[in-house]
Amino acid sequence: MKKKLEELKQKVKNHKDLEESEKTNTIKKIDEWLLEDKAEGTFANELMQISKKITPILEEIGLI
């Protein structure tokens, strides 16, 4: 799971359609999950609440 979260973090940083605030909020959440080791469904739902633009990234790396 850690590898997927690190991959997600990198894709969020490089995503051209996300605003900086969306990137910042998403990366903060990912860092929290890396520390807390949250379940996949939980963090995917929380990320999609930050921005619906995150959904294609989650699909691309197989998290949803």
N, C-alpha and C. Protein backbone atom coordinates (compact mmCIF):
# COMPACT_ATOMS: atom_id res chain seq x y z
N MET A 1 0.83 -1.19 0.00
CA MET A 1 0.00 0.00 0.00
C MET A 1 0.88 1.26 0.00
N LYS A 2 1.98 1.22 0.74
CA LYS A 2 2.84 2.40 0.81
C LYS A 2 3.31 2.82 -0.59
N LYS A 3 3.64 1.83 -1.41
CA LYS A 3 4.11 2.13 -2.77
C LYS A 3 3.01 2.83 -3.57
N LYS A 4 1.77 2.36 -3.44
CA LYS A 4 0.64 2.98 -4.16
C LYS A 4 0.43 4.41 -3.69
N LEU A 5 0.54 4.65 -2.39
CA LEU A 5 0.35 6.00 -1.87
C LEU A 5 1.46 6.94 -2.35
N GLU A 6 2.68 6.45 -2.40
CA GLU A 6 3.78 7.27 -2.91
C GLU A 6 3.57 7.59 -4.39
N GLU A 7 3.09 6.60 -5.14
CA GLU A 7 2.79 6.81 -6.56
C GLU A 7 1.67 7.84 -6.72
N LEU A 8 0.64 7.70 -5.90
CA LEU A 8 -0.47 8.64 -5.93
C LEU A 8 0.01 10.06 -5.63
N LYS A 9 0.85 10.19 -4.63
CA LYS A 9 1.40 11.49 -4.25
C LYS A 9 2.12 12.15 -5.42
N GLN A 10 2.93 11.38 -6.12
CA GLN A 10 3.69 11.91 -7.26
C GLN A 10 2.76 12.32 -8.39
N LYS A 11 1.75 11.52 -8.66
CA LYS A 11 0.81 11.84 -9.73
C LYS A 11 0.00 13.09 -9.40
N VAL A 12 -0.36 13.26 -8.14
CA VAL A 12 -1.09 14.46 -7.72
C VAL A 12 -0.20 15.69 -7.91
N LYS A 13 1.05 15.59 -7.51
CA LYS A 13 1.98 16.72 -7.66
C LYS A 13 2.11 17.15 -9.12
N ASN A 14 2.08 16.18 -10.02
CA ASN A 14 2.30 16.45 -11.45
C ASN A 14 1.03 16.69 -12.25
N HIS A 15 -0.13 16.56 -11.62
CA HIS A 15 -1.40 16.66 -12.34
C HIS A 15 -1.68 18.11 -12.73
N LYS A 16 -1.89 18.36 -14.01
CA LYS A 16 -2.04 19.74 -14.50
C LYS A 16 -3.41 20.34 -14.22
N ASP A 17 -4.43 19.52 -14.02
CA ASP A 17 -5.78 20.05 -13.82
C ASP A 17 -6.13 20.38 -12.37
N LEU A 18 -5.30 19.97 -11.44
CA LEU A 18 -5.56 20.25 -10.03
C LEU A 18 -5.01 21.62 -9.65
N GLU A 19 -5.79 22.34 -8.88
CA GLU A 19 -5.31 23.62 -8.35
C GLU A 19 -4.30 23.34 -7.24
N GLU A 20 -3.46 24.32 -6.95
CA GLU A 20 -2.44 24.13 -5.93
C GLU A 20 -3.04 23.78 -4.57
N SER A 21 -4.17 24.39 -4.24
CA SER A 21 -4.81 24.07 -2.95
C SER A 21 -5.30 22.62 -2.92
N GLU A 22 -5.80 22.12 -4.05
CA GLU A 22 -6.23 20.72 -4.12
C GLU A 22 -5.03 19.78 -3.98
N LYS A 23 -3.93 20.14 -4.63
CA LYS A 23 -2.71 19.33 -4.52
C LYS A 23 -2.22 19.31 -3.07
N THR A 24 -2.16 20.48 -2.45
CA THR A 24 -1.68 20.59 -1.08
C THR A 24 -2.54 19.79 -0.12
N ASN A 25 -3.86 19.94 -0.22
CA ASN A 25 -4.77 19.22 0.67
C ASN A 25 -4.68 17.71 0.46
N THR A 26 -4.56 17.30 -0.79
CA THR A 26 -4.47 15.88 -1.10
C THR A 26 -3.18 15.29 -0.56
N ILE A 27 -2.08 15.98 -0.77
CA ILE A 27 -0.79 15.48 -0.31
C ILE A 27 -0.75 15.41 1.22
N LYS A 28 -1.36 16.37 1.90
CA LYS A 28 -1.45 16.31 3.36
C LYS A 28 -2.18 15.06 3.81
N LYS A 29 -3.31 14.76 3.14
CA LYS A 29 -4.08 13.55 3.48
C LYS A 29 -3.25 12.29 3.24
N ILE A 30 -2.57 12.23 2.11
CA ILE A 30 -1.75 11.06 1.80
C ILE A 30 -0.67 10.87 2.85
N ASP A 31 -0.03 11.95 3.26
CA ASP A 31 1.00 11.86 4.30
C ASP A 31 0.42 11.34 5.61
N GLU A 32 -0.80 11.79 5.94
CA GLU A 32 -1.47 11.29 7.15
C GLU A 32 -1.70 9.79 7.02
N TRP A 33 -2.16 9.34 5.85
CA TRP A 33 -2.45 7.92 5.67
C TRP A 33 -1.20 7.08 5.71
N LEU A 34 -0.09 7.63 5.21
CA LEU A 34 1.16 6.89 5.29
C LEU A 34 1.53 6.64 6.75
N LEU A 35 1.25 7.61 7.61
CA LEU A 35 1.54 7.45 9.03
C LEU A 35 0.52 6.53 9.71
N GLU A 36 -0.75 6.67 9.34
CA GLU A 36 -1.82 5.94 10.00
C GLU A 36 -2.17 4.61 9.35
N ASP A 37 -1.70 4.40 8.11
CA ASP A 37 -1.99 3.18 7.35
C ASP A 37 -3.49 2.94 7.24
N LYS A 38 -4.21 3.92 6.70
CA LYS A 38 -5.67 3.82 6.54
C LYS A 38 -6.05 2.81 5.46
N ALA A 39 -7.25 2.32 5.54
CA ALA A 39 -7.78 1.38 4.56
C ALA A 39 -8.02 2.08 3.22
N GLU A 40 -7.91 1.32 2.13
CA GLU A 40 -8.04 1.88 0.78
C GLU A 40 -9.34 2.63 0.57
N GLY A 41 -10.46 2.04 0.89
CA GLY A 41 -11.76 2.67 0.64
C GLY A 41 -11.91 3.97 1.39
N THR A 42 -11.39 4.03 2.58
CA THR A 42 -11.50 5.24 3.40
C THR A 42 -10.77 6.40 2.75
N PHE A 43 -9.52 6.20 2.38
CA PHE A 43 -8.78 7.34 1.84
C PHE A 43 -9.24 7.71 0.44
N ALA A 44 -9.69 6.75 -0.36
CA ALA A 44 -10.21 7.10 -1.68
C ALA A 44 -11.43 8.00 -1.55
N ASN A 45 -12.33 7.67 -0.64
CA ASN A 45 -13.52 8.50 -0.42
C ASN A 45 -13.14 9.89 0.08
N GLU A 46 -12.20 9.97 1.00
CA GLU A 46 -11.77 11.26 1.53
C GLU A 46 -11.11 12.11 0.44
N LEU A 47 -10.32 11.49 -0.42
CA LEU A 47 -9.68 12.23 -1.52
C LEU A 47 -10.71 12.76 -2.50
N MET A 48 -11.71 11.98 -2.80
CA MET A 48 -12.72 12.42 -3.75
C MET A 48 -13.54 13.57 -3.18
N GLN A 49 -13.57 13.71 -1.86
CA GLN A 49 -14.25 14.85 -1.26
C GLN A 49 -13.44 16.13 -1.43
N ILE A 50 -12.14 16.01 -1.52
CA ILE A 50 -11.28 17.18 -1.75
C ILE A 50 -11.51 17.70 -3.17
N SER A 51 -11.53 16.77 -4.13
CA SER A 51 -11.74 17.16 -5.53
C SER A 51 -12.15 15.95 -6.36
N LYS A 52 -13.18 16.11 -7.16
CA LYS A 52 -13.60 15.03 -8.06
C LYS A 52 -12.55 14.77 -9.14
N LYS A 53 -11.64 15.72 -9.34
CA LYS A 53 -10.58 15.56 -10.33
C LYS A 53 -9.59 14.46 -9.92
N ILE A 54 -9.63 14.06 -8.65
CA ILE A 54 -8.74 13.03 -8.13
C ILE A 54 -9.17 11.64 -8.63
N THR A 55 -10.45 11.46 -8.93
CA THR A 55 -10.99 10.16 -9.29
C THR A 55 -10.21 9.49 -10.44
N PRO A 56 -9.92 10.18 -11.54
CA PRO A 56 -9.18 9.51 -12.63
C PRO A 56 -7.77 9.06 -12.19
N ILE A 57 -7.16 9.80 -11.30
CA ILE A 57 -5.83 9.40 -10.81
C ILE A 57 -5.95 8.11 -10.01
N LEU A 58 -6.95 8.04 -9.13
CA LEU A 58 -7.16 6.83 -8.33
C LEU A 58 -7.45 5.63 -9.22
N GLU A 59 -8.24 5.85 -10.26
CA GLU A 59 -8.55 4.77 -11.19
C GLU A 59 -7.30 4.32 -11.94
N GLU A 60 -6.48 5.28 -12.34
CA GLU A 60 -5.27 4.98 -13.12
C GLU A 60 -4.31 4.07 -12.37
N ILE A 61 -4.19 4.28 -11.07
CA ILE A 61 -3.24 3.44 -10.31
C ILE A 61 -3.93 2.28 -9.60
N GLY A 62 -5.21 2.07 -9.90
CA GLY A 62 -5.91 0.89 -9.41
C GLY A 62 -6.39 0.95 -7.98
N LEU A 63 -6.63 2.13 -7.46
CA LEU A 63 -7.11 2.24 -6.08
C LEU A 63 -8.63 2.28 -6.01
N ILE A 64 -9.31 2.50 -7.11
CA ILE A 64 -10.77 2.38 -7.15
C ILE A 64 -11.17 1.71 -8.44
